[in-house]
C-alpha atoms as a PDB file:
ATOM      1  CA  UNK A   1     -12.037 124.864  32.469  1.00  0.00           C
ATOM      2  CA  UNK A   2     -13.136 122.830  35.484  1.00  0.00           C
ATOM      3  CA  UNK A   3     -11.521 123.590  38.833  1.00  0.00           C
ATOM      4  CA  UNK A   4     -10.960 119.839  39.101  1.00  0.00           C
ATOM      5  CA  UNK A   5      -8.716 119.504  36.005  1.00  0.00           C
ATOM      6  CA  UNK A   6      -5.370 121.247  35.416  1.00  0.00           C
ATOM      7  CA  UNK A   7      -2.411 120.711  33.132  1.00  0.00           C
ATOM      8  CA  UNK A   8       1.277 121.565  33.121  1.00  0.00           C
ATOM      9  CA  UNK A   9       4.004 121.077  30.514  1.00  0.00           C
ATOM     10  CA  UNK A  10       7.396 119.508  31.195  1.00  0.00           C
ATOM     11  CA  UNK A  11       9.671 119.660  28.141  1.00  0.00           C
ATOM     12  CA  UNK A  12       7.795 117.590  25.515  1.00  0.00           C
ATOM     13  CA  UNK A  13       5.236 116.144  27.950  1.00  0.00           C
ATOM     14  CA  UNK A  14       1.868 117.572  28.979  1.00  0.00           C
ATOM     15  CA  UNK A  15       0.689 116.339  32.381  1.00  0.00           C
ATOM     16  CA  UNK A  16      -3.081 116.448  32.939  1.00  0.00           C
ATOM     17  CA  UNK A  17      -4.033 116.177  36.610  1.00  0.00           C
ATOM     18  CA  UNK A  18      -7.503 115.844  38.100  1.00  0.00           C
ATOM     19  CA  UNK A  19      -8.263 116.499  41.748  1.00  0.00           C
ATOM     20  CA  UNK A  20     -11.727 116.021  43.232  1.00  0.00           C
ATOM     21  CA  UNK A  21     -11.029 114.531  46.675  1.00  0.00           C
ATOM     22  CA  UNK A  22     -14.478 115.061  48.144  1.00  0.00           C
ATOM     23  CA  UNK A  23     -15.843 112.622  45.514  1.00  0.00           C
ATOM     24  CA  UNK A  24     -12.818 110.289  45.546  1.00  0.00           C
ATOM     25  CA  UNK A  25     -11.794 111.731  42.169  1.00  0.00           C
ATOM     26  CA  UNK A  26     -14.944 110.429  40.471  1.00  0.00           C
ATOM     27  CA  UNK A  27     -15.289 111.793  36.932  1.00  0.00           C
ATOM     28  CA  UNK A  28     -18.240 113.992  36.040  1.00  0.00           C
ATOM     29  CA  UNK A  29     -19.168 115.218  32.553  1.00  0.00           C
ATOM     30  CA  UNK A  30     -17.405 118.557  32.992  1.00  0.00           C
ATOM     31  CA  UNK A  31     -14.114 116.881  33.929  1.00  0.00           C
ATOM     32  CA  UNK A  32     -14.324 114.483  30.987  1.00  0.00           C
ATOM     33  CA  UNK A  33     -14.994 117.336  28.580  1.00  0.00           C
ATOM     34  CA  UNK A  34     -12.045 119.300  29.991  1.00  0.00           C
ATOM     35  CA  UNK A  35      -9.669 116.367  29.581  1.00  0.00           C
ATOM     36  CA  UNK A  36     -10.909 115.921  25.997  1.00  0.00           C
ATOM     37  CA  UNK A  37     -10.349 119.618  25.255  1.00  0.00           C
ATOM     38  CA  UNK A  38      -6.825 119.621  26.677  1.00  0.00           C
ATOM     39  CA  UNK A  39      -5.852 116.578  24.607  1.00  0.00           C
ATOM     40  CA  UNK A  40      -7.423 118.001  21.422  1.00  0.00           C
ATOM     41  CA  UNK A  41      -5.697 121.366  21.933  1.00  0.00           C
ATOM     42  CA  UNK A  42      -2.327 119.623  22.233  1.00  0.00           C
ATOM     43  CA  UNK A  43      -2.697 118.427  18.626  1.00  0.00           C
ATOM     44  CA  UNK A  44      -1.795 121.954  17.519  1.00  0.00           C
ATOM     45  CA  UNK A  45       1.367 122.074  19.632  1.00  0.00           C
ATOM     46  CA  UNK A  46       4.267 120.303  17.941  1.00  0.00           C
ATOM     47  CA  UNK A  47       6.443 120.669  21.020  1.00  0.00           C
ATOM     48  CA  UNK A  48       4.082 118.341  22.942  1.00  0.00           C
ATOM     49  CA  UNK A  49       4.749 114.732  21.981  1.00  0.00           C
ATOM     50  CA  UNK A  50       3.461 112.794  24.979  1.00  0.00           C
ATOM     51  CA  UNK A  51       0.600 113.269  27.440  1.00  0.00           C
ATOM     52  CA  UNK A  52       0.314 111.887  30.968  1.00  0.00           C
ATOM     53  CA  UNK A  53      -3.021 111.607  32.775  1.00  0.00           C
ATOM     54  CA  UNK A  54      -2.809 111.363  36.557  1.00  0.00           C
ATOM     55  CA  UNK A  55      -4.632 112.406  39.725  1.00  0.00           C
ATOM     56  CA  UNK A  56      -3.976 113.957  43.109  1.00  0.00           C
ATOM     57  CA  UNK A  57      -4.551 111.546  45.961  1.00  0.00           C
ATOM     58  CA  UNK A  58      -2.775 109.085  48.185  1.00  0.00           C
ATOM     59  CA  UNK A  59      -5.104 106.093  47.882  1.00  0.00           C
ATOM     60  CA  UNK A  60      -7.784 106.631  45.215  1.00  0.00           C
ATOM     61  CA  UNK A  61      -6.902 107.436  41.610  1.00  0.00           C
ATOM     62  CA  UNK A  62     -10.607 107.528  40.760  1.00  0.00           C
ATOM     63  CA  UNK A  63     -13.743 105.863  42.094  1.00  0.00           C
ATOM     64  CA  UNK A  64     -15.263 105.796  38.594  1.00  0.00           C
ATOM     65  CA  UNK A  65     -17.935 107.811  36.825  1.00  0.00           C
ATOM     66  CA  UNK A  66     -20.112 109.933  39.104  1.00  0.00           C
ATOM     67  CA  UNK A  67     -23.679 109.307  37.938  1.00  0.00           C
ATOM     68  CA  UNK A  68     -24.987 111.282  40.914  1.00  0.00           C
ATOM     69  CA  UNK A  69     -23.573 114.411  39.290  1.00  0.00           C
ATOM     70  CA  UNK A  70     -25.963 114.121  36.335  1.00  0.00           C
ATOM     71  CA  UNK A  71     -29.048 116.262  36.231  1.00  0.00           C
ATOM     72  CA  UNK A  72     -30.995 113.362  34.710  1.00  0.00           C
ATOM     73  CA  UNK A  73     -32.156 109.997  35.994  1.00  0.00           C
ATOM     74  CA  UNK A  74     -29.222 107.625  36.612  1.00  0.00           C
ATOM     75  CA  UNK A  75     -30.710 104.868  34.413  1.00  0.00           C
ATOM     76  CA  UNK A  76     -31.068 107.291  31.519  1.00  0.00           C
ATOM     77  CA  UNK A  77     -27.449 108.330  32.006  1.00  0.00           C
ATOM     78  CA  UNK A  78     -26.265 104.705  32.027  1.00  0.00           C
ATOM     79  CA  UNK A  79     -28.194 103.956  28.842  1.00  0.00           C
ATOM     80  CA  UNK A  80     -26.559 106.969  27.174  1.00  0.00           C
ATOM     81  CA  UNK A  81     -23.181 105.490  28.075  1.00  0.00           C
ATOM     82  CA  UNK A  82     -23.821 101.837  27.280  1.00  0.00           C
ATOM     83  CA  UNK A  83     -26.295 101.962  24.368  1.00  0.00           C
ATOM     84  CA  UNK A  84     -24.133 103.388  21.619  1.00  0.00           C
ATOM     85  CA  UNK A  85     -26.686 104.010  18.886  1.00  0.00           C
ATOM     86  CA  UNK A  86     -25.306 105.171  15.555  1.00  0.00           C
ATOM     87  CA  UNK A  87     -27.584 108.217  15.480  1.00  0.00           C
ATOM     88  CA  UNK A  88     -26.744 109.566  18.934  1.00  0.00           C
ATOM     89  CA  UNK A  89     -23.863 111.719  20.090  1.00  0.00           C
ATOM     90  CA  UNK A  90     -21.198 110.018  22.188  1.00  0.00           C
ATOM     91  CA  UNK A  91     -21.468 110.404  25.947  1.00  0.00           C
ATOM     92  CA  UNK A  92     -18.402 112.330  27.304  1.00  0.00           C
ATOM     93  CA  UNK A  93     -17.124 109.055  28.816  1.00  0.00           C
ATOM     94  CA  UNK A  94     -17.063 107.459  25.359  1.00  0.00           C
ATOM     95  CA  UNK A  95     -15.848 110.663  23.708  1.00  0.00           C
ATOM     96  CA  UNK A  96     -12.740 111.028  25.891  1.00  0.00           C
ATOM     97  CA  UNK A  97     -11.843 107.383  25.172  1.00  0.00           C
ATOM     98  CA  UNK A  98     -12.138 108.086  21.433  1.00  0.00           C
ATOM     99  CA  UNK A  99     -10.006 111.234  21.690  1.00  0.00           C
ATOM    100  CA  UNK A 100      -7.255 109.434  23.642  1.00  0.00           C
ATOM    101  CA  UNK A 101      -7.112 106.698  20.997  1.00  0.00           C
ATOM    102  CA  UNK A 102      -7.196 109.103  18.061  1.00  0.00           C
ATOM    103  CA  UNK A 103      -4.657 111.570  19.455  1.00  0.00           C
ATOM    104  CA  UNK A 104      -1.376 111.689  17.537  1.00  0.00           C
ATOM    105  CA  UNK A 105       0.365 112.069  20.899  1.00  0.00           C
ATOM    106  CA  UNK A 106       1.409 109.031  22.954  1.00  0.00           C
ATOM    107  CA  UNK A 107      -0.879 109.050  26.006  1.00  0.00           C
ATOM    108  CA  UNK A 108       0.277 107.528  29.303  1.00  0.00           C
ATOM    109  CA  UNK A 109      -1.870 106.804  32.355  1.00  0.00           C
ATOM    110  CA  UNK A 110      -0.038 107.348  35.654  1.00  0.00           C
ATOM    111  CA  UNK A 111      -2.441 105.484  37.941  1.00  0.00           C
ATOM    112  CA  UNK A 112      -1.179 106.398  41.387  1.00  0.00           C
ATOM    113  CA  UNK A 113      -4.023 104.862  43.397  1.00  0.00           C
ATOM    114  CA  UNK A 114      -6.923 102.431  43.246  1.00  0.00           C
ATOM    115  CA  UNK A 115      -9.127 102.698  40.167  1.00  0.00           C
ATOM    116  CA  UNK A 116     -12.737 101.647  39.614  1.00  0.00           C
ATOM    117  CA  UNK A 117     -15.432 101.416  36.942  1.00  0.00           C
ATOM    118  CA  UNK A 118     -15.635 103.749  33.977  1.00  0.00           C
ATOM    119  CA  UNK A 119     -12.354 105.479  34.766  1.00  0.00           C
ATOM    120  CA  UNK A 120     -10.498 102.198  34.319  1.00  0.00           C
ATOM    121  CA  UNK A 121     -12.109 101.722  30.934  1.00  0.00           C
ATOM    122  CA  UNK A 122     -11.012 105.231  29.903  1.00  0.00           C
ATOM    123  CA  UNK A 123      -7.438 104.658  31.090  1.00  0.00           C
ATOM    124  CA  UNK A 124      -7.240 101.365  29.157  1.00  0.00           C
ATOM    125  CA  UNK A 125      -7.332 103.481  26.005  1.00  0.00           C
ATOM    126  CA  UNK A 126      -4.022 105.086  26.934  1.00  0.00           C
ATOM    127  CA  UNK A 127      -1.006 103.786  25.042  1.00  0.00           C
ATOM    128  CA  UNK A 128       0.822 102.875  28.262  1.00  0.00           C
ATOM    129  CA  UNK A 129      -0.333 102.446  31.841  1.00  0.00           C
ATOM    130  CA  UNK A 130       1.680 102.753  35.065  1.00  0.00           C
ATOM    131  CA  UNK A 131       0.064 101.336  38.219  1.00  0.00           C
ATOM    132  CA  UNK A 132       0.844 101.631  41.918  1.00  0.00           C
ATOM    133  CA  UNK A 133       1.954  98.447  43.723  1.00  0.00           C
ATOM    134  CA  UNK A 134      -0.177  99.397  46.702  1.00  0.00           C
ATOM    135  CA  UNK A 135      -3.414  99.788  44.727  1.00  0.00           C
ATOM    136  CA  UNK A 136      -6.365  97.719  43.510  1.00  0.00           C
ATOM    137  CA  UNK A 137      -8.681  97.838  40.513  1.00  0.00           C
ATOM    138  CA  UNK A 138     -12.313  96.786  40.164  1.00  0.00           C
ATOM    139  CA  UNK A 139     -15.147  96.744  37.625  1.00  0.00           C
ATOM    140  CA  UNK A 140     -18.345  96.543  39.774  1.00  0.00           C
ATOM    141  CA  UNK A 141     -21.281  96.605  37.269  1.00  0.00           C
ATOM    142  CA  UNK A 142     -22.624  93.162  38.276  1.00  0.00           C
ATOM    143  CA  UNK A 143     -22.621  94.205  41.931  1.00  0.00           C
ATOM    144  CA  UNK A 144     -24.787  97.193  41.016  1.00  0.00           C
ATOM    145  CA  UNK A 145     -27.141  95.524  38.545  1.00  0.00           C
ATOM    146  CA  UNK A 146     -25.576  97.532  35.739  1.00  0.00           C
ATOM    147  CA  UNK A 147     -25.137  96.440  32.095  1.00  0.00           C
ATOM    148  CA  UNK A 148     -22.082  97.229  29.946  1.00  0.00           C
ATOM    149  CA  UNK A 149     -21.370  98.335  26.376  1.00  0.00           C
ATOM    150  CA  UNK A 150     -19.775  96.189  23.677  1.00  0.00           C
ATOM    151  CA  UNK A 151     -16.963  98.629  22.839  1.00  0.00           C
ATOM    152  CA  UNK A 152     -15.854  98.761  26.471  1.00  0.00           C
ATOM    153  CA  UNK A 153     -15.869  94.972  26.798  1.00  0.00           C
ATOM    154  CA  UNK A 154     -14.031  94.619  23.488  1.00  0.00           C
ATOM    155  CA  UNK A 155     -11.380  96.973  24.841  1.00  0.00           C
ATOM    156  CA  UNK A 156     -10.857  94.759  27.894  1.00  0.00           C
ATOM    157  CA  UNK A 157     -10.733  91.614  25.717  1.00  0.00           C
ATOM    158  CA  UNK A 158      -8.063  93.204  23.516  1.00  0.00           C
ATOM    159  CA  UNK A 159      -5.993  94.120  26.565  1.00  0.00           C
ATOM    160  CA  UNK A 160      -6.345  91.077  28.854  1.00  0.00           C
ATOM    161  CA  UNK A 161      -8.108  88.351  26.845  1.00  0.00           C
ATOM    162  CA  UNK A 162     -11.549  86.765  27.123  1.00  0.00           C
ATOM    163  CA  UNK A 163     -10.870  84.683  30.254  1.00  0.00           C
ATOM    164  CA  UNK A 164      -9.542  87.616  32.317  1.00  0.00           C
ATOM    165  CA  UNK A 165     -12.330  89.895  31.055  1.00  0.00           C
ATOM    166  CA  UNK A 166     -14.894  87.367  32.294  1.00  0.00           C
ATOM    167  CA  UNK A 167     -13.094  87.102  35.626  1.00  0.00           C
ATOM    168  CA  UNK A 168     -13.031  90.900  36.048  1.00  0.00           C
ATOM    169  CA  UNK A 169     -16.666  91.480  35.040  1.00  0.00           C
ATOM    170  CA  UNK A 170     -18.446  88.312  36.227  1.00  0.00           C
ATOM    171  CA  UNK A 171     -17.027  88.472  39.775  1.00  0.00           C
ATOM    172  CA  UNK A 172     -16.899  92.254  40.303  1.00  0.00           C
ATOM    173  CA  UNK A 173     -13.952  91.489  42.604  1.00  0.00           C
ATOM    174  CA  UNK A 174     -11.182  93.837  43.675  1.00  0.00           C
ATOM    175  CA  UNK A 175      -7.835  92.782  42.199  1.00  0.00           C
ATOM    176  CA  UNK A 176      -4.462  93.729  43.644  1.00  0.00           C
ATOM    177  CA  UNK A 177      -1.240  94.686  41.848  1.00  0.00           C
ATOM    178  CA  UNK A 178       0.064  91.107  41.773  1.00  0.00           C
ATOM    179  CA  UNK A 179      -3.122  89.923  40.053  1.00  0.00           C
ATOM    180  CA  UNK A 180      -2.955  92.927  37.726  1.00  0.00           C
ATOM    181  CA  UNK A 181       0.583  91.925  36.772  1.00  0.00           C
ATOM    182  CA  UNK A 182      -0.545  88.355  36.020  1.00  0.00           C
ATOM    183  CA  UNK A 183      -3.372  89.650  33.812  1.00  0.00           C
ATOM    184  CA  UNK A 184      -1.030  92.177  32.129  1.00  0.00           C
ATOM    185  CA  UNK A 185      -3.735  94.836  32.355  1.00  0.00           C
ATOM    186  CA  UNK A 186      -1.092  97.488  33.143  1.00  0.00           C
ATOM    187  CA  UNK A 187       2.311  97.898  31.505  1.00  0.00           C
ATOM    188  CA  UNK A 188       4.401  98.954  34.489  1.00  0.00           C
ATOM    189  CA  UNK A 189       3.786  98.337  38.197  1.00  0.00           C
ATOM    190  CA  UNK A 190       5.892 100.523  40.498  1.00  0.00           C
ATOM    191  CA  UNK A 191       5.908 101.926  44.024  1.00  0.00           C
ATOM    192  CA  UNK A 192       3.216 104.520  44.676  1.00  0.00           C
ATOM    193  CA  UNK A 193       5.732 107.314  45.188  1.00  0.00           C
ATOM    194  CA  UNK A 194       7.403 106.553  41.837  1.00  0.00           C
ATOM    195  CA  UNK A 195       4.365 106.345  39.541  1.00  0.00           C
ATOM    196  CA  UNK A 196       4.499 109.911  38.199  1.00  0.00           C
ATOM    197  CA  UNK A 197       8.313 110.068  38.227  1.00  0.00           C
ATOM    198  CA  UNK A 198       8.641 106.848  36.220  1.00  0.00           C
ATOM    199  CA  UNK A 199       5.850 107.938  33.864  1.00  0.00           C
ATOM    200  CA  UNK A 200       7.645 111.215  33.151  1.00  0.00           C
ATOM    201  CA  UNK A 201      10.930 109.403  32.561  1.00  0.00           C
ATOM    202  CA  UNK A 202       9.248 107.016  30.129  1.00  0.00           C
ATOM    203  CA  UNK A 203       7.406 109.870  28.403  1.00  0.00           C
ATOM    204  CA  UNK A 204      10.683 111.698  27.802  1.00  0.00           C
ATOM    205  CA  UNK A 205      12.178 108.541  26.312  1.00  0.00           C
ATOM    206  CA  UNK A 206       9.241 108.233  23.895  1.00  0.00           C
ATOM    207  CA  UNK A 207       9.433 111.961  23.096  1.00  0.00           C
ATOM    208  CA  UNK A 208      12.960 111.564  21.730  1.00  0.00           C
ATOM    209  CA  UNK A 209      11.561 109.583  18.794  1.00  0.00           C
ATOM    210  CA  UNK A 210      10.136 110.911  15.529  1.00  0.00           C
ATOM    211  CA  UNK A 211       6.625 112.330  16.209  1.00  0.00           C
ATOM    212  CA  UNK A 212       5.178 111.525  12.771  1.00  0.00           C
ATOM    213  CA  UNK A 213       6.496 107.984  12.952  1.00  0.00           C
ATOM    214  CA  UNK A 214       4.950 107.522  16.409  1.00  0.00           C
ATOM    215  CA  UNK A 215       1.601 108.886  15.202  1.00  0.00           C
ATOM    216  CA  UNK A 216       1.564 106.658  12.106  1.00  0.00           C
ATOM    217  CA  UNK A 217       2.347 103.476  14.062  1.00  0.00           C
ATOM    218  CA  UNK A 218      -0.302 104.357  16.659  1.00  0.00           C
ATOM    219  CA  UNK A 219      -2.935 104.763  13.925  1.00  0.00           C
ATOM    220  CA  UNK A 220      -2.076 101.352  12.469  1.00  0.00           C
ATOM    221  CA  UNK A 221      -2.240  99.568  15.833  1.00  0.00           C
ATOM    222  CA  UNK A 222      -5.529 101.244  16.789  1.00  0.00           C
ATOM    223  CA  UNK A 223      -7.010 100.481  13.358  1.00  0.00           C
ATOM    224  CA  UNK A 224      -6.412  96.782  14.005  1.00  0.00           C
ATOM    225  CA  UNK A 225      -8.183  96.969  17.385  1.00  0.00           C
ATOM    226  CA  UNK A 226     -11.086  98.914  15.868  1.00  0.00           C
ATOM    227  CA  UNK A 227     -11.570  96.349  13.096  1.00  0.00           C
ATOM    228  CA  UNK A 228     -13.530  94.029  15.404  1.00  0.00           C
ATOM    229  CA  UNK A 229     -16.955  95.381  14.525  1.00  0.00           C
ATOM    230  CA  UNK A 230     -20.276  93.588  14.956  1.00  0.00           C
ATOM    231  CA  UNK A 231     -23.218  93.157  12.591  1.00  0.00           C
ATOM    232  CA  UNK A 232     -26.479  95.060  12.929  1.00  0.00           C
ATOM    233  CA  UNK A 233     -28.192  91.865  14.044  1.00  0.00           C
ATOM    234  CA  UNK A 234     -25.608  91.238  16.781  1.00  0.00           C
ATOM    235  CA  UNK A 235     -25.885  94.841  17.922  1.00  0.00           C
ATOM    236  CA  UNK A 236     -29.667  94.473  18.272  1.00  0.00           C
ATOM    237  CA  UNK A 237     -29.165  91.346  20.418  1.00  0.00           C
ATOM    238  CA  UNK A 238     -26.800  93.261  22.707  1.00  0.00           C
ATOM    239  CA  UNK A 239     -29.197  96.217  22.842  1.00  0.00           C
ATOM    240  CA  UNK A 240     -32.085  93.915  23.794  1.00  0.00           C
ATOM    241  CA  UNK A 241     -30.057  92.354  26.625  1.00  0.00           C
ATOM    242  CA  UNK A 242     -29.043  95.797  27.945  1.00  0.00           C
ATOM    243  CA  UNK A 243     -32.633  97.085  27.946  1.00  0.00           C
ATOM    244  CA  UNK A 244     -33.811  93.905  29.666  1.00  0.00           C
ATOM    245  CA  UNK A 245     -31.267  94.459  32.464  1.00  0.00           C
ATOM    246  CA  UNK A 246     -32.041  98.173  32.665  1.00  0.00           C
ATOM    247  CA  UNK A 247     -35.773  97.574  33.100  1.00  0.00           C
ATOM    248  CA  UNK A 248     -35.433  94.692  35.553  1.00  0.00           C
ATOM    249  CA  UNK A 249     -36.390  94.439  39.208  1.00  0.00           C
ATOM    250  CA  UNK A 250     -32.768  93.502  39.876  1.00  0.00           C
ATOM    251  CA  UNK A 251     -31.648  96.930  38.665  1.00  0.00           C
ATOM    252  CA  UNK A 252     -34.066  98.634  41.093  1.00  0.00           C
ATOM    253  CA  UNK A 253     -32.947  96.291  43.902  1.00  0.00           C
ATOM    254  CA  UNK A 254     -29.261  97.068  43.212  1.00  0.00           C
ATOM    255  CA  UNK A 255     -29.823 100.828  43.312  1.00  0.00           C
ATOM    256  CA  UNK A 256     -31.821 100.579  46.530  1.00  0.00           C
ATOM    257  CA  UNK A 257     -29.180  98.320  48.122  1.00  0.00           C
ATOM    258  CA  UNK A 258     -26.411 100.708  47.123  1.00  0.00           C
ATOM    259  CA  UNK A 259     -28.218 103.673  48.703  1.00  0.00           C
ATOM    260  CA  UNK A 260     -29.005 101.631  51.829  1.00  0.00           C
ATOM    261  CA  UNK A 261     -25.422 100.292  52.024  1.00  0.00           C
ATOM    262  CA  UNK A 262     -26.570  96.665  52.097  1.00  0.00           C
ATOM    263  CA  UNK A 263     -25.920  93.596  49.958  1.00  0.00           C
ATOM    264  CA  UNK A 264     -28.438  93.269  47.093  1.00  0.00           C
ATOM    265  CA  UNK A 265     -30.671  90.207  46.695  1.00  0.00           C
ATOM    266  CA  UNK A 266     -30.920  89.439  42.997  1.00  0.00           C
ATOM    267  CA  UNK A 267     -33.699  87.278  41.514  1.00  0.00           C
ATOM    268  CA  UNK A 268     -32.994  87.411  37.785  1.00  0.00           C
ATOM    269  CA  UNK A 269     -36.226  89.325  37.141  1.00  0.00           C
END
């Protein structure tokens, strides 16, 4: 088990907490695998009916997925995340999203700080999401010359609609709690100090209900969301567009600008 991920049980609720302050709580593969393992292990514990995922930190819930932690080239890592070929194993970022959705437990995100990138996509898979009034959220791929996978975009469309998904991804802007409330991207927006407390209270309320009934209804709802599949031809079009972006001069420019802490100059090449 990673030193960055711990869990504790409160009555019928398992609280998973990650704490990696030196990297602004950015996820690495080890952390994602640990969270997946904890959730999977809870399937065998009938006393656990709800799961809360939260972090330690006053301002940052998570700065996203930490590509710098990979032992491979960052572009290769991104392609593993965003090119979901049928014959390849899921990247841990995709795997933890799948496990959250498929868990028979009701999973709640207690987002007690600002959240960015891949971590936001993972948390969107939770059944309910609490968000701090004092925080912001952001999806910055276009600022970094990075492409994005269909399943992740479909998830955003299901949660906030096509127009808001375009606004979030095409601008790469930082959105505050008021804007989050208007988009309905989170279910509950509360004071920072109350995020975990209110999440626990809500989890206990859910836990009073019949576990098998909860699990069955969750499967039905998630089956509807998963029914929006694309054809092989459409997938190939998406794959072509991703590879074009990955092999572009703009991608190289974005990475160089990020390392140099300057604004990138994109040319569409």
